[in-house]
Amino acid sequence: MSALFCLPLTANAEVLPLSDQQNLGQWKLNTEVSDEFNDDTIDEERWYIVGKLQDGKPVYQHPDKPNKKVWKGRAPSQFSGQNYRLENGKLILETRWEPDFPFEKEIHKPVFGDALKYENLTTACFIGRKEFKYGYIEIKSKAADAEVSSAFWAMGEKLEIDFYEQFGDAKDPNKDHLDSELWWSIRDWSTLVKGKPTYTERKDLGFRVADDFHVYGFEWDESGVKYYVDGKLFSEVSAQEVTKFARENREVPADYDGYVAVRPISLWLDQETFPWHGVPESKADLERNSPQGKKDDGIVDYEIEYVRVWQK
């Protein structure tokens, strides 16, 4: 593997996408949205930490959009602004078994899935405060080895791009494949499609996402997407192929343009529960795959070494 696989971002080194170490794409790092997580504290001018506690209770108010409703997480888990730490040059997002957390009492009906109450599980969510359009997006990460999601995604105006939503493990033997699956999507949040994917893929990565760190790269422009895993091209789709998928799989007009990924986005890092895949039912259940010595703290980790965005 290339020695640059673990190269940190420094003033003396030009860090490039793992798949383009010769910089044939003429990429320039966007330092406003990229993060190496090497500091002692999170740069809150760069990231909004969702659900920071004030007077012992979580507050959900976006610093740049104070009147916009903030997503609190998919029940039964709820975002808590204390569920993270910086450790050895990594951002670690935590899912915690925390029954005494001051959970939201109201039960919300989500767009997808059942209406459930918030209870027992808290998770983390970071939202990028600066937007960008098109580029090469790369993350080096290791999913939580538990029945929770570890996700890297983005939101724009009526647009969602899910770079991955990894499910570290599942108790249901019929869902054993989830721990090695790449699931990525483009979603249209207009009233016409209502958040359903205009394009989605599920592919076997050939490794468990919670076993080790891997690099996921997403090259995105007006012509389509190329998806790289550990520096190698894994999948690609053109804007025309996205539109073809959307017209075949959604109730849309014949002239509908399914490639809605043409607007600025902000990055998201989070963990959530996916009840349709199963939910941890106790602290021991949450930690059943945790290593010895870490089975009693009620915490499982989603680890992120860096997030980098290049543009032309």
C-alpha atoms as a PDB file:
ATOM      1  CA  MET A   1       0.000   0.000   0.000  1.00  0.00           C
ATOM      2  CA  SER A   2       1.201   3.514  -0.747  1.00  0.00           C
ATOM      3  CA  ALA A   3       3.148   5.252   2.005  1.00  0.00           C
ATOM      4  CA  LEU A   4       0.862   8.204   1.412  1.00  0.00           C
ATOM      5  CA  PHE A   5      -2.104   6.181   2.632  1.00  0.00           C
ATOM      6  CA  CYS A   6      -1.533   7.610   6.111  1.00  0.00           C
ATOM      7  CA  LEU A   7       0.134  10.902   5.199  1.00  0.00           C
ATOM      8  CA  PRO A   8      -1.073  13.717   7.472  1.00  0.00           C
ATOM      9  CA  LEU A   9      -1.872  17.183   6.201  1.00  0.00           C
ATOM     10  CA  THR A  10       1.072  19.517   6.840  1.00  0.00           C
ATOM     11  CA  ALA A  11       2.317  22.786   5.481  1.00  0.00           C
ATOM     12  CA  ASN A  12       5.238  20.998   3.863  1.00  0.00           C
ATOM     13  CA  ALA A  13       3.387  18.246   2.062  1.00  0.00           C
ATOM     14  CA  GLU A  14       0.863  18.370  -0.745  1.00  0.00           C
ATOM     15  CA  VAL A  15      -1.824  15.904   0.218  1.00  0.00           C
ATOM     16  CA  LEU A  16      -3.646  14.444  -2.767  1.00  0.00           C
ATOM     17  CA  PRO A  17      -6.482  11.955  -3.313  1.00  0.00           C
ATOM     18  CA  LEU A  18      -5.260   8.416  -2.727  1.00  0.00           C
ATOM     19  CA  SER A  19      -6.415   7.472  -6.237  1.00  0.00           C
ATOM     20  CA  ASP A  20      -4.594  10.397  -7.895  1.00  0.00           C
ATOM     21  CA  GLN A  21      -1.174  10.697  -6.295  1.00  0.00           C
ATOM     22  CA  GLN A  22       0.233  12.313  -9.465  1.00  0.00           C
ATOM     23  CA  ASN A  23      -2.533  14.930  -9.350  1.00  0.00           C
ATOM     24  CA  LEU A  24      -3.606  14.398 -12.925  1.00  0.00           C
ATOM     25  CA  GLY A  25      -6.908  15.972 -11.912  1.00  0.00           C
ATOM     26  CA  GLN A  26      -5.135  19.174 -10.820  1.00  0.00           C
ATOM     27  CA  TRP A  27      -6.846  19.101  -7.442  1.00  0.00           C
ATOM     28  CA  LYS A  28      -6.507  21.854  -4.855  1.00  0.00           C
ATOM     29  CA  LEU A  29      -7.357  21.151  -1.225  1.00  0.00           C
ATOM     30  CA  ASN A  30     -10.313  23.091   0.159  1.00  0.00           C
ATOM     31  CA  THR A  31      -8.962  23.831   3.634  1.00  0.00           C
ATOM     32  CA  GLU A  32     -12.224  25.426   4.804  1.00  0.00           C
ATOM     33  CA  VAL A  33     -14.136  22.128   4.758  1.00  0.00           C
ATOM     34  CA  SER A  34     -11.322  19.594   5.176  1.00  0.00           C
ATOM     35  CA  ASP A  35     -10.245  18.498   8.653  1.00  0.00           C
ATOM     36  CA  GLU A  36      -7.366  16.375   9.957  1.00  0.00           C
ATOM     37  CA  PHE A  37      -8.707  16.309  13.553  1.00  0.00           C
ATOM     38  CA  ASN A  38      -5.195  16.835  14.921  1.00  0.00           C
ATOM     39  CA  ASP A  39      -6.081  19.676  17.314  1.00  0.00           C
ATOM     40  CA  ASP A  40      -7.047  19.449  20.965  1.00  0.00           C
ATOM     41  CA  THR A  41     -10.515  20.849  20.311  1.00  0.00           C
ATOM     42  CA  ILE A  42     -13.041  20.792  17.479  1.00  0.00           C
ATOM     43  CA  ASP A  43     -13.077  23.870  15.256  1.00  0.00           C
ATOM     44  CA  GLU A  44     -16.678  24.961  15.788  1.00  0.00           C
ATOM     45  CA  GLU A  45     -16.373  27.531  13.010  1.00  0.00           C
ATOM     46  CA  ARG A  46     -15.994  24.497  10.749  1.00  0.00           C
ATOM     47  CA  TRP A  47     -18.433  22.080  12.432  1.00  0.00           C
ATOM     48  CA  TYR A  48     -21.789  22.412  14.171  1.00  0.00           C
ATOM     49  CA  ILE A  49     -21.890  19.845  16.987  1.00  0.00           C
ATOM     50  CA  VAL A  50     -25.546  18.843  17.264  1.00  0.00           C
ATOM     51  CA  GLY A  51     -27.209  18.729  20.678  1.00  0.00           C
ATOM     52  CA  LYS A  52     -24.610  20.391  22.882  1.00  0.00           C
ATOM     53  CA  LEU A  53     -25.767  20.421  26.486  1.00  0.00           C
ATOM     54  CA  GLN A  54     -26.826  23.620  28.246  1.00  0.00           C
ATOM     55  CA  ASP A  55     -27.925  23.369  31.872  1.00  0.00           C
ATOM     56  CA  GLY A  56     -27.904  19.589  31.510  1.00  0.00           C
ATOM     57  CA  LYS A  57     -30.208  19.495  28.463  1.00  0.00           C
ATOM     58  CA  PRO A  58     -29.377  19.167  24.760  1.00  0.00           C
ATOM     59  CA  VAL A  59     -30.029  22.212  22.583  1.00  0.00           C
ATOM     60  CA  TYR A  60     -30.799  21.839  18.890  1.00  0.00           C
ATOM     61  CA  GLN A  61     -30.235  25.170  17.147  1.00  0.00           C
ATOM     62  CA  HIS A  62     -28.029  25.538  14.080  1.00  0.00           C
ATOM     63  CA  PRO A  63     -25.670  28.519  14.539  1.00  0.00           C
ATOM     64  CA  ASP A  64     -26.121  29.632  10.915  1.00  0.00           C
ATOM     65  CA  LYS A  65     -29.794  28.724  10.515  1.00  0.00           C
ATOM     66  CA  PRO A  66     -31.393  29.470  13.914  1.00  0.00           C
ATOM     67  CA  ASN A  67     -34.951  29.162  12.618  1.00  0.00           C
ATOM     68  CA  LYS A  68     -34.433  25.851  10.811  1.00  0.00           C
ATOM     69  CA  LYS A  69     -35.550  22.628  12.478  1.00  0.00           C
ATOM     70  CA  VAL A  70     -32.573  20.488  13.487  1.00  0.00           C
ATOM     71  CA  TRP A  71     -32.712  16.703  13.006  1.00  0.00           C
ATOM     72  CA  LYS A  72     -32.296  15.036  16.416  1.00  0.00           C
ATOM     73  CA  GLY A  73     -31.481  11.576  15.113  1.00  0.00           C
ATOM     74  CA  ARG A  74     -33.455   8.479  14.237  1.00  0.00           C
ATOM     75  CA  ALA A  75     -35.288   7.106  17.270  1.00  0.00           C
ATOM     76  CA  PRO A  76     -34.683   5.301  19.492  1.00  0.00           C
ATOM     77  CA  SER A  77     -31.249   6.997  19.389  1.00  0.00           C
ATOM     78  CA  GLN A  78     -30.887  10.758  19.855  1.00  0.00           C
ATOM     79  CA  PHE A  79     -27.986  13.095  19.039  1.00  0.00           C
ATOM     80  CA  SER A  80     -26.002  14.337  22.026  1.00  0.00           C
ATOM     81  CA  GLY A  81     -23.321  17.002  21.733  1.00  0.00           C
ATOM     82  CA  GLN A  82     -21.094  15.259  24.280  1.00  0.00           C
ATOM     83  CA  ASN A  83     -20.725  11.999  22.337  1.00  0.00           C
ATOM     84  CA  TYR A  84     -17.330  12.569  20.790  1.00  0.00           C
ATOM     85  CA  ARG A  85     -13.667  12.822  21.625  1.00  0.00           C
ATOM     86  CA  LEU A  86     -10.415  13.681  19.866  1.00  0.00           C
ATOM     87  CA  GLU A  87      -7.811  10.986  20.362  1.00  0.00           C
ATOM     88  CA  ASN A  88      -4.486  10.234  18.622  1.00  0.00           C
ATOM     89  CA  GLY A  89      -5.290  12.498  15.678  1.00  0.00           C
ATOM     90  CA  LYS A  90      -8.756  11.070  15.139  1.00  0.00           C
ATOM     91  CA  LEU A  91     -12.326  12.209  15.630  1.00  0.00           C
ATOM     92  CA  ILE A  92     -14.203   9.492  17.462  1.00  0.00           C
ATOM     93  CA  LEU A  93     -17.990   9.614  17.430  1.00  0.00           C
ATOM     94  CA  GLU A  94     -19.604   7.643  20.226  1.00  0.00           C
ATOM     95  CA  THR A  95     -22.816   5.670  20.539  1.00  0.00           C
ATOM     96  CA  ARG A  96     -23.608   5.338  24.232  1.00  0.00           C
ATOM     97  CA  TRP A  97     -26.012   3.252  26.269  1.00  0.00           C
ATOM     98  CA  GLU A  98     -27.397   6.147  28.302  1.00  0.00           C
ATOM     99  CA  PRO A  99     -30.919   5.493  29.668  1.00  0.00           C
ATOM    100  CA  ASP A 100     -30.742   8.513  32.003  1.00  0.00           C
ATOM    101  CA  PHE A 101     -30.181  11.032  29.184  1.00  0.00           C
ATOM    102  CA  PRO A 102     -32.880  13.778  29.018  1.00  0.00           C
ATOM    103  CA  PHE A 103     -34.479  12.377  25.888  1.00  0.00           C
ATOM    104  CA  GLU A 104     -37.011  14.244  23.767  1.00  0.00           C
ATOM    105  CA  LYS A 105     -40.480  13.181  24.941  1.00  0.00           C
ATOM    106  CA  GLU A 106     -42.351  13.847  21.711  1.00  0.00           C
ATOM    107  CA  ILE A 107     -42.631  10.936  19.295  1.00  0.00           C
ATOM    108  CA  HIS A 108     -42.023  11.977  15.699  1.00  0.00           C
ATOM    109  CA  LYS A 109     -43.126  10.131  12.574  1.00  0.00           C
ATOM    110  CA  PRO A 110     -40.064   9.998  10.317  1.00  0.00           C
ATOM    111  CA  VAL A 111     -40.278  10.107   6.534  1.00  0.00           C
ATOM    112  CA  PHE A 112     -38.947   6.545   6.461  1.00  0.00           C
ATOM    113  CA  GLY A 113     -39.548   3.962   9.175  1.00  0.00           C
ATOM    114  CA  ASP A 114     -41.803   3.687  12.212  1.00  0.00           C
ATOM    115  CA  ALA A 115     -42.573   6.317  14.834  1.00  0.00           C
ATOM    116  CA  LEU A 116     -40.578   5.318  17.915  1.00  0.00           C
ATOM    117  CA  LYS A 117     -39.715   7.061  21.151  1.00  0.00           C
ATOM    118  CA  TYR A 118     -36.220   8.265  21.974  1.00  0.00           C
ATOM    119  CA  GLU A 119     -34.681   6.063  24.652  1.00  0.00           C
ATOM    120  CA  ASN A 120     -31.540   4.364  25.920  1.00  0.00           C
ATOM    121  CA  LEU A 121     -29.122   5.277  23.099  1.00  0.00           C
ATOM    122  CA  THR A 122     -27.321   8.537  22.381  1.00  0.00           C
ATOM    123  CA  THR A 123     -25.241   9.170  19.279  1.00  0.00           C
ATOM    124  CA  ALA A 124     -23.155  11.950  17.713  1.00  0.00           C
ATOM    125  CA  CYS A 125     -23.664  14.281  14.767  1.00  0.00           C
ATOM    126  CA  PHE A 126     -21.320  16.843  13.195  1.00  0.00           C
ATOM    127  CA  ILE A 127     -22.546  19.128  10.397  1.00  0.00           C
ATOM    128  CA  GLY A 128     -20.158  21.149   8.232  1.00  0.00           C
ATOM    129  CA  ARG A 129     -20.862  24.896   8.405  1.00  0.00           C
ATOM    130  CA  LYS A 130     -19.430  25.729   4.975  1.00  0.00           C
ATOM    131  CA  GLU A 131     -20.827  24.569   1.636  1.00  0.00           C
ATOM    132  CA  PHE A 132     -19.067  23.612  -1.586  1.00  0.00           C
ATOM    133  CA  LYS A 133     -20.061  22.349  -5.016  1.00  0.00           C
ATOM    134  CA  TYR A 134     -18.297  19.547  -6.898  1.00  0.00           C
ATOM    135  CA  GLY A 135     -14.903  18.087  -6.139  1.00  0.00           C
ATOM    136  CA  TYR A 136     -13.176  15.016  -4.751  1.00  0.00           C
ATOM    137  CA  ILE A 137     -14.388  14.051  -1.268  1.00  0.00           C
ATOM    138  CA  GLU A 138     -12.325  11.577   0.752  1.00  0.00           C
ATOM    139  CA  ILE A 139     -12.597  10.109   4.233  1.00  0.00           C
ATOM    140  CA  LYS A 140     -10.483   7.595   6.118  1.00  0.00           C
ATOM    141  CA  SER A 141     -12.655   5.843   8.676  1.00  0.00           C
ATOM    142  CA  LYS A 142     -13.547   2.720  10.614  1.00  0.00           C
ATOM    143  CA  ALA A 143     -17.182   1.939  11.419  1.00  0.00           C
ATOM    144  CA  ALA A 144     -18.487   1.110  14.882  1.00  0.00           C
ATOM    145  CA  ASP A 145     -18.608  -2.667  15.386  1.00  0.00           C
ATOM    146  CA  ALA A 146     -22.196  -2.646  16.624  1.00  0.00           C
ATOM    147  CA  GLU A 147     -25.823  -2.629  15.575  1.00  0.00           C
ATOM    148  CA  VAL A 148     -25.715   1.092  14.699  1.00  0.00           C
ATOM    149  CA  SER A 149     -24.912   3.071  11.583  1.00  0.00           C
ATOM    150  CA  SER A 150     -21.690   4.974  10.933  1.00  0.00           C
ATOM    151  CA  ALA A 151     -22.466   7.503   8.238  1.00  0.00           C
ATOM    152  CA  PHE A 152     -20.803  10.100   6.015  1.00  0.00           C
ATOM    153  CA  TRP A 153     -23.262  12.129   3.986  1.00  0.00           C
ATOM    154  CA  ALA A 154     -24.221  15.615   2.849  1.00  0.00           C
ATOM    155  CA  MET A 155     -27.196  17.912   2.498  1.00  0.00           C
ATOM    156  CA  GLY A 156     -27.976  20.715   0.061  1.00  0.00           C
ATOM    157  CA  GLU A 157     -31.094  22.513  -1.138  1.00  0.00           C
ATOM    158  CA  LYS A 158     -33.625  19.654  -1.509  1.00  0.00           C
ATOM    159  CA  LEU A 159     -30.619  17.357  -2.033  1.00  0.00           C
ATOM    160  CA  GLU A 160     -29.013  14.564  -0.036  1.00  0.00           C
ATOM    161  CA  ILE A 161     -25.911  12.593  -0.988  1.00  0.00           C
ATOM    162  CA  ASP A 162     -25.141   9.547   1.156  1.00  0.00           C
ATOM    163  CA  PHE A 163     -21.479   8.716   0.597  1.00  0.00           C
ATOM    164  CA  TYR A 164     -21.977   5.720   2.866  1.00  0.00           C
ATOM    165  CA  GLU A 165     -24.268   4.487   5.604  1.00  0.00           C
ATOM    166  CA  GLN A 166     -22.351   1.604   7.128  1.00  0.00           C
ATOM    167  CA  PHE A 167     -23.949  -0.858   9.518  1.00  0.00           C
ATOM    168  CA  GLY A 168     -21.169  -2.350  11.599  1.00  0.00           C
ATOM    169  CA  ASP A 169     -22.925  -5.547  12.633  1.00  0.00           C
ATOM    170  CA  ALA A 170     -26.327  -7.227  12.789  1.00  0.00           C
ATOM    171  CA  LYS A 171     -27.665  -9.973  15.034  1.00  0.00           C
ATOM    172  CA  ASP A 172     -30.051 -11.205  12.358  1.00  0.00           C
ATOM    173  CA  PRO A 173     -28.146 -13.905  10.390  1.00  0.00           C
ATOM    174  CA  ASN A 174     -30.119 -12.925   7.291  1.00  0.00           C
ATOM    175  CA  LYS A 175     -28.417  -9.526   7.447  1.00  0.00           C
ATOM    176  CA  ASP A 176     -24.818 -10.679   7.926  1.00  0.00           C
ATOM    177  CA  HIS A 177     -23.929  -9.053   4.595  1.00  0.00           C
ATOM    178  CA  LEU A 178     -24.574  -5.562   5.991  1.00  0.00           C
ATOM    179  CA  ASP A 179     -21.211  -5.424   7.779  1.00  0.00           C
ATOM    180  CA  SER A 180     -19.368  -5.491   4.435  1.00  0.00           C
ATOM    181  CA  GLU A 181     -21.783  -3.510   2.299  1.00  0.00           C
ATOM    182  CA  LEU A 182     -21.281  -0.169   0.582  1.00  0.00           C
ATOM    183  CA  TRP A 183     -24.619   1.598   0.413  1.00  0.00           C
ATOM    184  CA  TRP A 184     -24.570   5.005  -1.235  1.00  0.00           C
ATOM    185  CA  SER A 185     -27.355   7.159  -2.699  1.00  0.00           C
ATOM    186  CA  ILE A 186     -28.426  10.419  -4.270  1.00  0.00           C
ATOM    187  CA  ARG A 187     -31.781  11.634  -2.888  1.00  0.00           C
ATOM    188  CA  ASP A 188     -34.208  14.269  -4.123  1.00  0.00           C
ATOM    189  CA  TRP A 189     -36.082  16.031  -1.308  1.00  0.00           C
ATOM    190  CA  SER A 190     -38.423  17.931  -3.603  1.00  0.00           C
ATOM    191  CA  THR A 191     -42.169  17.365  -3.158  1.00  0.00           C
ATOM    192  CA  LEU A 192     -42.065  15.231  -6.296  1.00  0.00           C
ATOM    193  CA  VAL A 193     -39.779  12.473  -4.939  1.00  0.00           C
ATOM    194  CA  LYS A 194     -39.865  13.191  -1.167  1.00  0.00           C
ATOM    195  CA  GLY A 195     -36.432  11.931  -0.254  1.00  0.00           C
ATOM    196  CA  LYS A 196     -36.400   8.643  -2.135  1.00  0.00           C
ATOM    197  CA  PRO A 197     -33.176   7.850  -3.986  1.00  0.00           C
ATOM    198  CA  THR A 198     -32.921   8.953  -7.584  1.00  0.00           C
ATOM    199  CA  TYR A 199     -29.933   6.606  -7.628  1.00  0.00           C
ATOM    200  CA  THR A 200     -28.637   4.063  -5.142  1.00  0.00           C
ATOM    201  CA  GLU A 201     -26.146   1.197  -5.036  1.00  0.00           C
ATOM    202  CA  ARG A 202     -25.485  -1.638  -2.622  1.00  0.00           C
ATOM    203  CA  LYS A 203     -22.239  -3.509  -3.271  1.00  0.00           C
ATOM    204  CA  ASP A 204     -20.059  -5.961  -1.387  1.00  0.00           C
ATOM    205  CA  LEU A 205     -16.813  -4.300  -0.332  1.00  0.00           C
ATOM    206  CA  GLY A 206     -15.051  -7.576   0.371  1.00  0.00           C
ATOM    207  CA  PHE A 207     -14.174  -6.599   3.950  1.00  0.00           C
ATOM    208  CA  ARG A 208     -15.965  -5.837   7.232  1.00  0.00           C
ATOM    209  CA  VAL A 209     -16.264  -2.064   7.580  1.00  0.00           C
ATOM    210  CA  ALA A 210     -15.656  -2.251  11.345  1.00  0.00           C
ATOM    211  CA  ASP A 211     -12.474  -4.333  11.204  1.00  0.00           C
ATOM    212  CA  ASP A 212     -10.030  -1.669  10.024  1.00  0.00           C
ATOM    213  CA  PHE A 213      -9.625   1.783   8.538  1.00  0.00           C
ATOM    214  CA  HIS A 214     -10.342   2.259   4.843  1.00  0.00           C
ATOM    215  CA  VAL A 215     -10.303   5.231   2.494  1.00  0.00           C
ATOM    216  CA  TYR A 216     -13.504   6.103   0.638  1.00  0.00           C
ATOM    217  CA  GLY A 217     -13.288   8.632  -2.208  1.00  0.00           C
ATOM    218  CA  PHE A 218     -16.124  10.296  -4.087  1.00  0.00           C
ATOM    219  CA  GLU A 219     -15.348  12.222  -7.269  1.00  0.00           C
ATOM    220  CA  TRP A 220     -18.352  14.385  -8.070  1.00  0.00           C
ATOM    221  CA  ASP A 221     -19.091  16.812 -10.881  1.00  0.00           C
ATOM    222  CA  GLU A 222     -21.841  17.755 -13.319  1.00  0.00           C
ATOM    223  CA  SER A 223     -21.212  14.654 -15.428  1.00  0.00           C
ATOM    224  CA  GLY A 224     -21.636  12.052 -12.660  1.00  0.00           C
ATOM    225  CA  VAL A 225     -19.813  10.223  -9.874  1.00  0.00           C
ATOM    226  CA  LYS A 226     -16.789   7.954  -9.544  1.00  0.00           C
ATOM    227  CA  TYR A 227     -16.486   6.036  -6.284  1.00  0.00           C
ATOM    228  CA  TYR A 228     -13.071   4.867  -5.035  1.00  0.00           C
ATOM    229  CA  VAL A 229     -12.229   2.489  -2.197  1.00  0.00           C
ATOM    230  CA  ASP A 230      -8.652   2.427  -0.905  1.00  0.00           C
ATOM    231  CA  GLY A 231      -7.547   4.336  -3.992  1.00  0.00           C
ATOM    232  CA  LYS A 232      -9.080   1.987  -6.562  1.00  0.00           C
ATOM    233  CA  LEU A 233     -12.113   2.727  -8.726  1.00  0.00           C
ATOM    234  CA  PHE A 234     -15.002   0.753  -7.241  1.00  0.00           C
ATOM    235  CA  SER A 235     -18.037   2.100  -9.084  1.00  0.00           C
ATOM    236  CA  GLU A 236     -19.068   4.904 -11.408  1.00  0.00           C
ATOM    237  CA  VAL A 237     -22.292   6.310 -12.763  1.00  0.00           C
ATOM    238  CA  SER A 238     -23.013   9.088 -15.253  1.00  0.00           C
ATOM    239  CA  ALA A 239     -25.632  11.803 -14.818  1.00  0.00           C
ATOM    240  CA  GLN A 240     -27.570  10.197 -17.680  1.00  0.00           C
ATOM    241  CA  GLU A 241     -27.531   6.802 -15.952  1.00  0.00           C
ATOM    242  CA  VAL A 242     -28.811   8.388 -12.736  1.00  0.00           C
ATOM    243  CA  THR A 243     -31.705   9.948 -14.635  1.00  0.00           C
ATOM    244  CA  LYS A 244     -32.473   6.618 -16.315  1.00  0.00           C
ATOM    245  CA  PHE A 245     -32.574   4.920 -12.889  1.00  0.00           C
ATOM    246  CA  ALA A 246     -34.873   7.604 -11.501  1.00  0.00           C
ATOM    247  CA  ARG A 247     -37.307   7.460 -14.404  1.00  0.00           C
ATOM    248  CA  GLU A 248     -37.485   3.662 -14.154  1.00  0.00           C
ATOM    249  CA  ASN A 249     -37.851   3.472 -10.365  1.00  0.00           C
ATOM    250  CA  ARG A 250     -39.773   6.583  -9.335  1.00  0.00           C
ATOM    251  CA  GLU A 251     -43.138   8.020 -10.317  1.00  0.00           C
ATOM    252  CA  VAL A 252     -41.789  11.051 -12.164  1.00  0.00           C
ATOM    253  CA  PRO A 253     -42.522  12.805 -15.464  1.00  0.00           C
ATOM    254  CA  ALA A 254     -40.865  11.450 -18.592  1.00  0.00           C
ATOM    255  CA  ASP A 255     -38.616  14.506 -18.786  1.00  0.00           C
ATOM    256  CA  TYR A 256     -37.533  14.358 -15.093  1.00  0.00           C
ATOM    257  CA  ASP A 257     -33.794  14.996 -14.536  1.00  0.00           C
ATOM    258  CA  GLY A 258     -32.790  12.586 -11.786  1.00  0.00           C
ATOM    259  CA  TYR A 259     -29.271  13.931 -11.425  1.00  0.00           C
ATOM    260  CA  VAL A 260     -30.185  16.408  -8.705  1.00  0.00           C
ATOM    261  CA  ALA A 261     -26.630  16.455  -7.312  1.00  0.00           C
ATOM    262  CA  VAL A 262     -25.910  19.827  -8.899  1.00  0.00           C
ATOM    263  CA  ARG A 263     -26.162  22.117  -5.881  1.00  0.00           C
ATOM    264  CA  PRO A 264     -23.805  23.095  -3.021  1.00  0.00           C
ATOM    265  CA  ILE A 265     -23.659  20.718  -0.067  1.00  0.00           C
ATOM    266  CA  SER A 266     -22.491  20.652   3.543  1.00  0.00           C
ATOM    267  CA  LEU A 267     -20.926  17.533   5.033  1.00  0.00           C
ATOM    268  CA  TRP A 268     -22.417  15.399   7.816  1.00  0.00           C
ATOM    269  CA  LEU A 269     -20.790  12.803  10.089  1.00  0.00           C
ATOM    270  CA  ASP A 270     -23.079  10.867  12.399  1.00  0.00           C
ATOM    271  CA  GLN A 271     -24.303   7.655  13.954  1.00  0.00           C
ATOM    272  CA  GLU A 272     -27.914   6.535  14.150  1.00  0.00           C
ATOM    273  CA  THR A 273     -30.039   3.478  14.780  1.00  0.00           C
ATOM    274  CA  PHE A 274     -31.708   1.739  11.833  1.00  0.00           C
ATOM    275  CA  PRO A 275     -34.624  -0.099  13.493  1.00  0.00           C
ATOM    276  CA  TRP A 276     -35.340  -2.107  10.335  1.00  0.00           C
ATOM    277  CA  HIS A 277     -31.893  -3.697  10.749  1.00  0.00           C
ATOM    278  CA  GLY A 278     -32.140  -4.131  14.519  1.00  0.00           C
ATOM    279  CA  VAL A 279     -31.357  -2.023  17.584  1.00  0.00           C
ATOM    280  CA  PRO A 280     -29.153  -2.807  20.636  1.00  0.00           C
ATOM    281  CA  GLU A 281     -31.443  -3.862  23.476  1.00  0.00           C
ATOM    282  CA  SER A 282     -29.026  -3.451  26.392  1.00  0.00           C
ATOM    283  CA  LYS A 283     -25.569  -2.144  27.227  1.00  0.00           C
ATOM    284  CA  ALA A 284     -24.162  -5.661  26.837  1.00  0.00           C
ATOM    285  CA  ASP A 285     -25.930  -6.005  23.496  1.00  0.00           C
ATOM    286  CA  LEU A 286     -24.452  -2.711  22.259  1.00  0.00           C
ATOM    287  CA  GLU A 287     -20.964  -3.811  23.298  1.00  0.00           C
ATOM    288  CA  ARG A 288     -21.080  -7.482  22.371  1.00  0.00           C
ATOM    289  CA  ASN A 289     -18.300  -7.019  19.771  1.00  0.00           C
ATOM    290  CA  SER A 290     -16.204  -4.612  21.836  1.00  0.00           C
ATOM    291  CA  PRO A 291     -12.688  -5.781  22.773  1.00  0.00           C
ATOM    292  CA  GLN A 292     -11.934  -7.018  26.270  1.00  0.00           C
ATOM    293  CA  GLY A 293     -11.373  -4.091  28.579  1.00  0.00           C
ATOM    294  CA  LYS A 294     -13.939  -1.940  26.767  1.00  0.00           C
ATOM    295  CA  LYS A 295     -17.060  -4.031  27.305  1.00  0.00           C
ATOM    296  CA  ASP A 296     -18.272  -2.180  30.383  1.00  0.00           C
ATOM    297  CA  ASP A 297     -18.135   1.493  29.422  1.00  0.00           C
ATOM    298  CA  GLY A 298     -21.380   1.478  27.412  1.00  0.00           C
ATOM    299  CA  ILE A 299     -19.680   3.099  24.397  1.00  0.00           C
ATOM    300  CA  VAL A 300     -18.891   2.011  20.837  1.00  0.00           C
ATOM    301  CA  ASP A 301     -16.757   4.119  18.509  1.00  0.00           C
ATOM    302  CA  TYR A 302     -16.964   5.310  14.909  1.00  0.00           C
ATOM    303  CA  GLU A 303     -13.440   6.507  14.124  1.00  0.00           C
ATOM    304  CA  ILE A 304     -12.511   9.124  11.521  1.00  0.00           C
ATOM    305  CA  GLU A 305      -8.884   9.936  10.748  1.00  0.00           C
ATOM    306  CA  TYR A 306      -9.593  12.741   8.313  1.00  0.00           C
ATOM    307  CA  VAL A 307     -12.102  14.327   5.958  1.00  0.00           C
ATOM    308  CA  ARG A 308     -10.631  16.008   2.848  1.00  0.00           C
ATOM    309  CA  VAL A 309     -12.202  17.864  -0.057  1.00  0.00           C
ATOM    310  CA  TRP A 310     -10.364  18.900  -3.195  1.00  0.00           C
ATOM    311  CA  GLN A 311     -11.657  21.079  -5.987  1.00  0.00           C
ATOM    312  CA  LYS A 312     -10.413  22.308  -9.352  1.00  0.00           C
END
